[in-house]
Amino acid sequence: MSGKGRARMFRPMYRPSFSLSLPARASLLFSCLLAALVMSGCRPSLRGSGEAGIAASARAASSEAAEEAPVNPLNGEVADDAGLLNRRVLAVKVENDPAARPQSGIADAEVVIEELVEGGVTRFICLYLAHDSAAIGPTRSVRPTDMDVVRCLRPLLAFSGGAPQVMEMVKSSGIMYVTEDSPCFWRESRRAVPHNLYTSTSRLREYLNQQGDAGEWGVLSGLTFRQKAGGASSEGEGEETIRLVIPASTVDVPYESGCSVRYRYDPSKRAYQRFVQGKPHTDLGSGRQLAPRNVILQFVQLTSSGVRDVLGAESPNSMVIGSGRCAVYTEGEVIVGTWVKNSRDEPTRYYDLVGREIRINPGQTWIHLVPNNLKTTFIP
């Protein structure tokens, strides 16, 4: 492949059969992708530990402190207060229509999940555990996919409302929720309806307190981080770390209807600057450009939900239970592999081509539920 700046189409391999063992599938996938890259002129590198003895000594020296430090399961960062990690997760629906930008509170979320809704527009599920935000929004309605995505977190789901069929889905799911008729929300007079409904973590936490929602929830996010608290490596003792490394400094996700996304990796910040429609995607409160540490493309099959909006457009249903291909962007590289979610009550996990969970950097992560037929690209 000639031309260093030429975009390369990402077409990761799909796992061939569940009848094969995980090691067998991983070996086959690794061989296929490696052969494809070699034939196309790409030059991946195989990175090994090389200094296992030194690394093992460092791990031993800091393992005790690492185990004691309270680590946020949503972003891998050390929490100032371990009690913050025992709270219920807040899951807030935020719209991404061009008229809703710039939004508020997205930069404060530990995880942001972007999903496709009707008309080619996308919408966010913003997750908060240890972090707080004074204003989150504009908040909008719930969609059929949301229950499959968030139920495993046992969150408080906050949204503006929903179609009658979808509200029945919410009620039958057993997920705790609040809608716009609650004091948790307010209307912002400086913005036009329907892009002016907001909430905050303080109002949502107060609502939980009023409901007597105390207790330790113990969140399982499904994400695995490269380092534990205190700088200790998250690799196993003496484990040889060898994986396929593909540089990827720019990522394009060509959503339609004014929602196309580009990420550019900034090595100085070790983060991915986010652009929408070619412009920096900023936070309304701070004015700063959104810049997550990790970006995950989770390729999903879209099916008919039978739910339509007021204009008659159908809301697609993203099939997030099962398995599929994924691309995980972290530290300026892409790791291709497979996502697996066995049920609503289990988190999604991301595996590399040799069957190990993909480790990402501590910090905010954006997860894109990308239709299988969408042609995403990256530039080294």
Protein backbone atom coordinates (compact mmCIF):
# COMPACT_ATOMS: atom_id res chain seq x y z
CA MET A 1 0.00 0.00 0.00
CA SER A 2 1.60 3.29 -1.07
CA GLY A 3 1.07 6.74 0.39
CA LYS A 4 1.53 7.22 4.09
CA GLY A 5 -1.50 9.46 4.43
CA ARG A 6 -3.89 7.28 2.44
CA ALA A 7 -7.01 6.16 4.32
CA ARG A 8 -7.37 2.43 4.75
CA MET A 9 -10.70 0.70 4.95
CA PHE A 10 -11.15 -1.18 8.22
CA ARG A 11 -12.70 -4.57 7.55
CA PRO A 12 -11.92 -6.73 10.56
CA MET A 13 -12.53 -10.45 10.38
CA TYR A 14 -15.68 -11.92 11.89
CA ARG A 15 -15.41 -14.95 14.10
CA PRO A 16 -16.27 -17.91 11.84
CA SER A 17 -18.17 -20.23 14.15
CA PHE A 18 -19.09 -20.68 17.76
CA SER A 19 -18.32 -24.37 17.38
CA LEU A 20 -14.61 -23.53 17.41
CA SER A 21 -12.86 -22.97 20.71
CA LEU A 22 -11.88 -19.40 21.54
CA PRO A 23 -8.13 -20.09 21.09
CA ALA A 24 -8.81 -21.74 17.73
CA ARG A 25 -10.95 -18.85 16.54
CA ALA A 26 -8.39 -16.33 17.71
CA SER A 27 -5.54 -18.14 15.98
CA LEU A 28 -7.47 -18.30 12.71
CA LEU A 29 -8.46 -14.63 12.91
CA PHE A 30 -4.91 -13.55 13.69
CA SER A 31 -3.50 -15.52 10.75
CA CYS A 32 -6.10 -14.17 8.32
CA LEU A 33 -5.62 -10.55 9.30
CA LEU A 34 -1.84 -10.79 9.34
CA ALA A 35 -1.85 -12.34 5.87
CA ALA A 36 -4.16 -9.64 4.56
CA LEU A 37 -1.98 -6.87 5.95
CA VAL A 38 1.21 -8.37 4.52
CA MET A 39 -0.36 -8.83 1.06
CA SER A 40 -1.57 -5.23 1.05
CA GLY A 41 1.88 -3.90 1.88
CA CYS A 42 1.10 -2.89 5.47
CA ARG A 43 3.81 -3.53 8.02
CA PRO A 44 2.35 -4.35 11.45
CA SER A 45 4.73 -4.77 14.33
CA LEU A 46 4.72 -7.50 16.95
CA ARG A 47 5.45 -5.94 20.30
CA GLY A 48 6.86 -8.09 23.09
CA SER A 49 7.61 -7.28 26.72
CA GLY A 50 11.37 -7.85 26.35
CA GLU A 51 12.11 -6.91 29.98
CA ALA A 52 9.85 -9.25 31.92
CA GLY A 53 12.15 -9.36 34.95
CA ILE A 54 12.23 -5.59 35.43
CA ALA A 55 8.49 -5.30 34.84
CA ALA A 56 7.79 -8.11 37.32
CA SER A 57 9.86 -6.34 39.99
CA ALA A 58 8.00 -3.09 39.43
CA ARG A 59 4.67 -4.87 39.64
CA ALA A 60 5.64 -6.58 42.87
CA ALA A 61 6.75 -3.29 44.42
CA SER A 62 3.43 -1.54 43.75
CA SER A 63 0.93 -4.41 43.77
CA GLU A 64 -0.16 -3.86 47.38
CA ALA A 65 -0.88 -0.16 46.84
CA ALA A 66 -2.60 -0.90 43.56
CA GLU A 67 -4.96 -3.40 45.15
CA GLU A 68 -5.89 -1.00 47.95
CA ALA A 69 -6.55 2.02 45.73
CA PRO A 70 -10.21 2.50 44.72
CA VAL A 71 -10.36 2.27 40.93
CA ASN A 72 -13.38 3.48 38.96
CA PRO A 73 -14.69 0.51 36.91
CA LEU A 74 -16.03 2.86 34.22
CA ASN A 75 -12.81 4.72 33.46
CA GLY A 76 -9.96 2.95 35.28
CA GLU A 77 -8.98 6.05 37.26
CA VAL A 78 -8.29 6.22 40.99
CA ALA A 79 -11.25 7.70 42.86
CA ASP A 80 -10.69 10.25 45.61
CA ASP A 81 -13.40 8.57 47.66
CA ALA A 82 -14.10 4.82 47.48
CA GLY A 83 -17.70 5.53 48.45
CA LEU A 84 -18.29 7.22 45.10
CA LEU A 85 -17.77 3.89 43.38
CA ASN A 86 -20.53 2.22 45.38
CA ARG A 87 -23.19 4.59 44.06
CA ARG A 88 -25.73 3.71 41.41
CA VAL A 89 -24.65 4.55 37.86
CA LEU A 90 -26.53 7.42 36.22
CA ALA A 91 -27.38 6.82 32.55
CA VAL A 92 -28.62 9.98 30.81
CA LYS A 93 -29.98 10.15 27.25
CA VAL A 94 -28.55 13.15 25.41
CA GLU A 95 -29.49 14.15 21.88
CA ASN A 96 -27.06 14.78 19.03
CA ASP A 97 -29.23 16.57 16.50
CA PRO A 98 -27.22 19.49 15.02
CA ALA A 99 -29.67 21.89 16.70
CA ALA A 100 -28.73 20.44 20.10
CA ARG A 101 -25.03 21.26 19.86
CA PRO A 102 -23.03 22.18 21.77
CA GLN A 103 -24.31 19.87 24.49
CA SER A 104 -23.62 20.05 28.21
CA GLY A 105 -22.13 17.51 30.57
CA ILE A 106 -20.78 15.05 28.00
CA ALA A 107 -17.18 15.86 28.90
CA ASP A 108 -17.91 14.85 32.52
CA ALA A 109 -19.20 11.36 31.68
CA GLU A 110 -16.92 8.41 32.30
CA VAL A 111 -18.39 6.55 29.30
CA VAL A 112 -20.41 7.81 26.32
CA ILE A 113 -22.30 5.36 24.09
CA GLU A 114 -23.36 6.64 20.67
CA GLU A 115 -26.25 4.86 18.96
CA LEU A 116 -28.13 5.33 15.70
CA VAL A 117 -31.78 6.40 15.91
CA GLU A 118 -34.36 7.23 13.23
CA GLY A 119 -33.46 9.46 10.29
CA GLY A 120 -29.77 8.66 10.50
CA VAL A 121 -29.30 10.87 13.57
CA THR A 122 -27.34 9.56 16.55
CA ARG A 123 -28.01 9.87 20.27
CA PHE A 124 -25.85 9.41 23.37
CA ILE A 125 -26.11 7.43 26.59
CA CYS A 126 -23.84 9.23 29.07
CA LEU A 127 -22.71 7.26 32.13
CA TYR A 128 -21.73 8.87 35.45
CA LEU A 129 -20.47 7.15 38.58
CA ALA A 130 -17.72 9.06 40.43
CA HIS A 131 -18.02 12.14 38.23
CA ASP A 132 -20.57 14.92 38.62
CA SER A 133 -21.98 17.46 36.17
CA ALA A 134 -23.97 20.62 36.90
CA ALA A 135 -25.92 20.39 33.63
CA ILE A 136 -26.49 17.46 31.28
CA GLY A 137 -28.39 17.80 28.06
CA PRO A 138 -30.33 18.42 26.04
CA THR A 139 -31.94 15.19 27.26
CA ARG A 140 -34.26 13.33 24.91
CA SER A 141 -36.33 10.18 24.66
CA VAL A 142 -35.50 6.54 25.22
CA ARG A 143 -35.04 3.99 22.42
CA PRO A 144 -35.55 0.18 22.17
CA THR A 145 -31.80 -0.56 22.24
CA ASP A 146 -31.20 1.27 25.51
CA MET A 147 -32.48 -1.45 27.84
CA ASP A 148 -30.18 -4.06 26.33
CA VAL A 149 -27.23 -1.68 26.65
CA VAL A 150 -27.58 -0.44 30.23
CA ARG A 151 -29.53 -3.02 32.26
CA CYS A 152 -26.30 -4.81 33.29
CA LEU A 153 -25.21 -1.61 35.06
CA ARG A 154 -28.42 -1.40 37.15
CA PRO A 155 -28.52 2.36 36.57
CA LEU A 156 -30.96 5.16 37.08
CA LEU A 157 -31.96 5.85 33.47
CA ALA A 158 -32.91 9.50 32.85
CA PHE A 159 -34.69 10.57 29.66
CA SER A 160 -37.46 12.88 28.43
CA GLY A 161 -40.06 10.24 27.57
CA GLY A 162 -40.69 7.76 24.78
CA ALA A 163 -43.13 6.12 22.43
CA PRO A 164 -45.80 4.02 24.23
CA GLN A 165 -44.24 0.74 23.05
CA VAL A 166 -40.80 1.79 24.27
CA MET A 167 -42.12 2.96 27.63
CA GLU A 168 -43.62 -0.49 28.08
CA MET A 169 -40.18 -1.95 27.34
CA VAL A 170 -38.64 0.30 30.01
CA LYS A 171 -41.20 -0.69 32.62
CA SER A 172 -40.91 -4.40 31.91
CA SER A 173 -37.10 -4.27 31.98
CA GLY A 174 -37.02 -3.51 35.71
CA ILE A 175 -34.63 -0.60 35.18
CA MET A 176 -35.07 2.32 37.57
CA TYR A 177 -35.92 5.45 35.57
CA VAL A 178 -37.06 9.09 35.67
CA THR A 179 -38.68 11.16 32.93
CA GLU A 180 -39.22 14.85 32.25
CA ASP A 181 -42.23 15.15 34.57
CA SER A 182 -39.83 14.70 37.49
CA PRO A 183 -38.19 17.60 39.42
CA CYS A 184 -34.90 16.12 38.20
CA PHE A 185 -35.33 18.15 34.98
CA TRP A 186 -35.65 21.79 34.00
CA ARG A 187 -36.20 23.75 30.80
CA GLU A 188 -33.47 26.12 29.66
CA SER A 189 -35.07 29.33 28.41
CA ARG A 190 -32.12 30.25 26.20
CA ARG A 191 -32.68 27.24 23.96
CA ALA A 192 -35.61 26.29 21.75
CA VAL A 193 -37.97 23.39 22.43
CA PRO A 194 -37.37 20.43 22.23
CA HIS A 195 -33.64 21.04 22.63
CA ASN A 196 -33.86 22.66 26.06
CA LEU A 197 -34.49 19.91 28.63
CA TYR A 198 -31.66 19.44 31.13
CA THR A 199 -30.81 17.50 34.25
CA SER A 200 -27.80 17.27 36.58
CA THR A 201 -26.08 14.61 38.62
CA SER A 202 -26.97 16.46 41.84
CA ARG A 203 -30.70 16.39 41.03
CA LEU A 204 -30.55 12.74 40.05
CA ARG A 205 -28.62 11.82 43.20
CA GLU A 206 -31.12 13.75 45.31
CA TYR A 207 -33.93 11.80 43.67
CA LEU A 208 -32.18 8.54 44.56
CA ASN A 209 -31.79 9.70 48.15
CA GLN A 210 -35.50 10.50 48.34
CA GLN A 211 -36.25 7.01 47.05
CA GLY A 212 -34.10 5.52 49.80
CA ASP A 213 -31.67 4.21 47.23
CA ALA A 214 -28.66 3.52 49.42
CA GLY A 215 -26.36 0.56 49.16
CA GLU A 216 -23.32 -0.73 47.41
CA TRP A 217 -23.90 -1.59 43.77
CA GLY A 218 -20.52 -2.90 42.61
CA VAL A 219 -20.54 -1.93 38.93
CA LEU A 220 -19.24 -4.33 36.27
CA SER A 221 -18.46 -2.29 33.17
CA GLY A 222 -16.85 -4.96 30.98
CA LEU A 223 -13.93 -2.61 30.26
CA THR A 224 -10.37 -3.67 31.08
CA PHE A 225 -7.68 -1.06 31.62
CA ARG A 226 -3.98 -1.15 30.87
CA GLN A 227 -2.90 0.07 34.27
CA LYS A 228 -4.25 -0.24 37.75
CA ALA A 229 -4.04 2.44 40.38
CA GLY A 230 -0.54 3.45 41.41
CA GLY A 231 0.94 2.75 37.98
CA ALA A 232 1.08 -1.02 38.35
CA SER A 233 0.78 -2.93 35.10
CA SER A 234 -2.50 -4.76 34.62
CA GLU A 235 -0.80 -7.62 32.80
CA GLY A 236 -0.45 -10.91 34.63
CA GLU A 237 2.79 -11.74 36.41
CA GLY A 238 5.41 -12.88 33.92
CA GLU A 239 2.95 -12.67 31.05
CA GLU A 240 4.52 -12.11 27.63
CA THR A 241 2.55 -9.35 25.93
CA ILE A 242 2.54 -9.86 22.17
CA ARG A 243 -0.15 -8.37 19.98
CA LEU A 244 -0.74 -6.97 16.54
CA VAL A 245 -0.18 -3.21 16.52
CA ILE A 246 -1.60 -0.99 13.77
CA PRO A 247 -0.95 2.78 14.02
CA ALA A 248 -4.16 4.79 13.67
CA SER A 249 -4.05 8.54 14.27
CA THR A 250 -7.34 9.49 12.57
CA VAL A 251 -10.67 7.64 12.71
CA ASP A 252 -13.74 8.38 10.58
CA VAL A 253 -17.27 7.19 11.43
CA PRO A 254 -19.50 8.47 8.60
CA TYR A 255 -22.88 8.69 10.32
CA GLU A 256 -25.48 10.54 8.25
CA SER A 257 -27.76 13.53 8.93
CA GLY A 258 -25.09 15.86 10.21
CA CYS A 259 -23.62 13.38 12.69
CA SER A 260 -20.45 12.21 10.89
CA VAL A 261 -17.56 11.87 13.33
CA ARG A 262 -13.81 12.17 13.04
CA TYR A 263 -11.26 11.59 15.79
CA ARG A 264 -7.68 12.85 15.62
CA TYR A 265 -5.20 11.45 18.09
CA ASP A 266 -3.20 14.05 20.02
CA PRO A 267 -0.03 12.35 21.38
CA SER A 268 0.69 15.26 23.73
CA LYS A 269 -2.64 14.69 25.52
CA ARG A 270 -2.90 10.97 24.78
CA ALA A 271 -6.47 11.65 23.72
CA TYR A 272 -8.67 11.63 20.62
CA GLN A 273 -9.97 15.05 19.66
CA ARG A 274 -13.56 14.71 18.45
CA PHE A 275 -14.96 16.49 15.39
CA VAL A 276 -18.55 16.44 14.10
CA GLN A 277 -19.24 17.53 10.52
CA GLY A 278 -15.63 18.65 10.32
CA LYS A 279 -15.89 21.03 13.28
CA PRO A 280 -14.56 20.57 16.84
CA HIS A 281 -17.23 19.02 19.05
CA THR A 282 -17.20 21.15 22.18
CA ASP A 283 -18.82 21.20 25.60
CA LEU A 284 -21.19 24.15 26.17
CA GLY A 285 -20.12 24.82 29.74
CA SER A 286 -16.34 24.76 29.37
CA GLY A 287 -16.01 25.43 25.65
CA ARG A 288 -13.38 22.70 25.47
CA GLN A 289 -13.22 20.19 22.66
CA LEU A 290 -14.33 16.69 23.62
CA ALA A 291 -11.31 14.39 23.72
CA PRO A 292 -11.75 10.83 25.04
CA ARG A 293 -8.79 8.61 25.82
CA ASN A 294 -10.31 5.62 24.02
CA VAL A 295 -12.70 5.09 21.11
CA ILE A 296 -14.42 1.74 20.52
CA LEU A 297 -16.27 0.89 17.32
CA GLN A 298 -18.70 -1.95 18.07
CA PHE A 299 -20.22 -3.21 14.82
CA VAL A 300 -23.83 -4.33 15.19
CA GLN A 301 -26.70 -5.62 13.08
CA LEU A 302 -29.69 -3.29 12.75
CA THR A 303 -33.16 -4.82 12.88
CA SER A 304 -36.70 -3.49 12.73
CA SER A 305 -38.09 -2.33 16.08
CA GLY A 306 -41.62 -1.55 14.89
CA VAL A 307 -41.39 1.79 16.70
CA ARG A 308 -41.92 4.98 14.68
CA ASP A 309 -41.55 8.64 15.55
CA VAL A 310 -44.17 11.33 14.95
CA LEU A 311 -42.99 11.72 11.34
CA GLY A 312 -43.35 7.99 10.66
CA ALA A 313 -39.62 7.17 10.62
CA GLU A 314 -38.77 3.85 12.23
CA SER A 315 -36.30 3.62 15.11
CA PRO A 316 -33.72 0.94 14.31
CA ASN A 317 -32.86 -1.65 16.92
CA SER A 318 -29.13 -2.30 17.38
CA MET A 319 -28.46 -5.95 18.21
CA VAL A 320 -26.05 -5.62 21.13
CA ILE A 321 -26.63 -9.10 22.60
CA GLY A 322 -24.52 -11.76 20.93
CA SER A 323 -21.14 -11.08 19.33
CA GLY A 324 -19.56 -9.21 16.46
CA ARG A 325 -16.44 -7.43 15.33
CA CYS A 326 -14.88 -4.43 17.01
CA ALA A 327 -12.06 -1.94 16.59
CA VAL A 328 -10.55 -0.42 19.73
CA TYR A 329 -8.55 2.79 19.35
CA THR A 330 -6.21 3.61 22.21
CA GLU A 331 -2.77 5.24 22.48
CA GLY A 332 -2.77 6.09 18.75
CA GLU A 333 -3.22 2.47 17.70
CA VAL A 334 -6.11 0.26 16.66
CA ILE A 335 -6.64 -3.23 18.04
CA VAL A 336 -9.11 -5.31 16.06
CA GLY A 337 -11.10 -8.11 17.61
CA THR A 338 -14.52 -9.28 18.77
CA TRP A 339 -17.15 -8.03 21.18
CA VAL A 340 -19.25 -10.47 23.22
CA LYS A 341 -22.38 -9.87 25.32
CA ASN A 342 -24.23 -13.00 26.35
CA SER A 343 -27.32 -11.42 27.92
CA ARG A 344 -28.88 -8.17 29.09
CA ASP A 345 -27.50 -8.76 32.54
CA GLU A 346 -23.88 -9.15 31.43
CA PRO A 347 -21.56 -6.36 30.28
CA THR A 348 -20.06 -6.24 26.80
CA ARG A 349 -16.47 -7.44 26.67
CA TYR A 350 -13.91 -6.79 23.96
CA TYR A 351 -11.37 -9.44 22.92
CA ASP A 352 -8.31 -9.22 20.70
CA LEU A 353 -7.39 -11.71 17.98
CA VAL A 354 -5.77 -14.13 20.41
CA GLY A 355 -8.76 -14.19 22.74
CA ARG A 356 -7.55 -11.85 25.49
CA GLU A 357 -9.57 -8.93 26.77
CA ILE A 358 -8.43 -5.70 25.14
CA ARG A 359 -6.87 -3.30 27.61
CA ILE A 360 -7.48 0.42 27.20
CA ASN A 361 -6.09 3.55 28.82
CA PRO A 362 -7.68 4.98 31.97
CA GLY A 363 -9.92 7.90 31.08
CA GLN A 364 -13.11 8.62 29.19
CA THR A 365 -14.21 6.06 26.57
CA TRP A 366 -16.62 6.56 23.66
CA ILE A 367 -18.37 3.43 22.41
CA HIS A 368 -19.96 3.68 18.97
CA LEU A 369 -22.68 1.21 18.02
CA VAL A 370 -21.87 1.14 14.31
CA PRO A 371 -24.12 -0.55 11.71
CA ASN A 372 -22.32 -3.46 10.05
CA ASN A 373 -22.66 -1.89 6.62
CA LEU A 374 -21.13 1.45 7.57
CA LYS A 375 -17.67 1.84 6.01
CA THR A 376 -15.47 3.29 8.73
CA THR A 377 -11.87 4.21 7.90
CA PHE A 378 -8.67 5.10 9.67
CA ILE A 379 -5.45 6.83 8.68
CA PRO A 380 -2.11 5.76 10.23
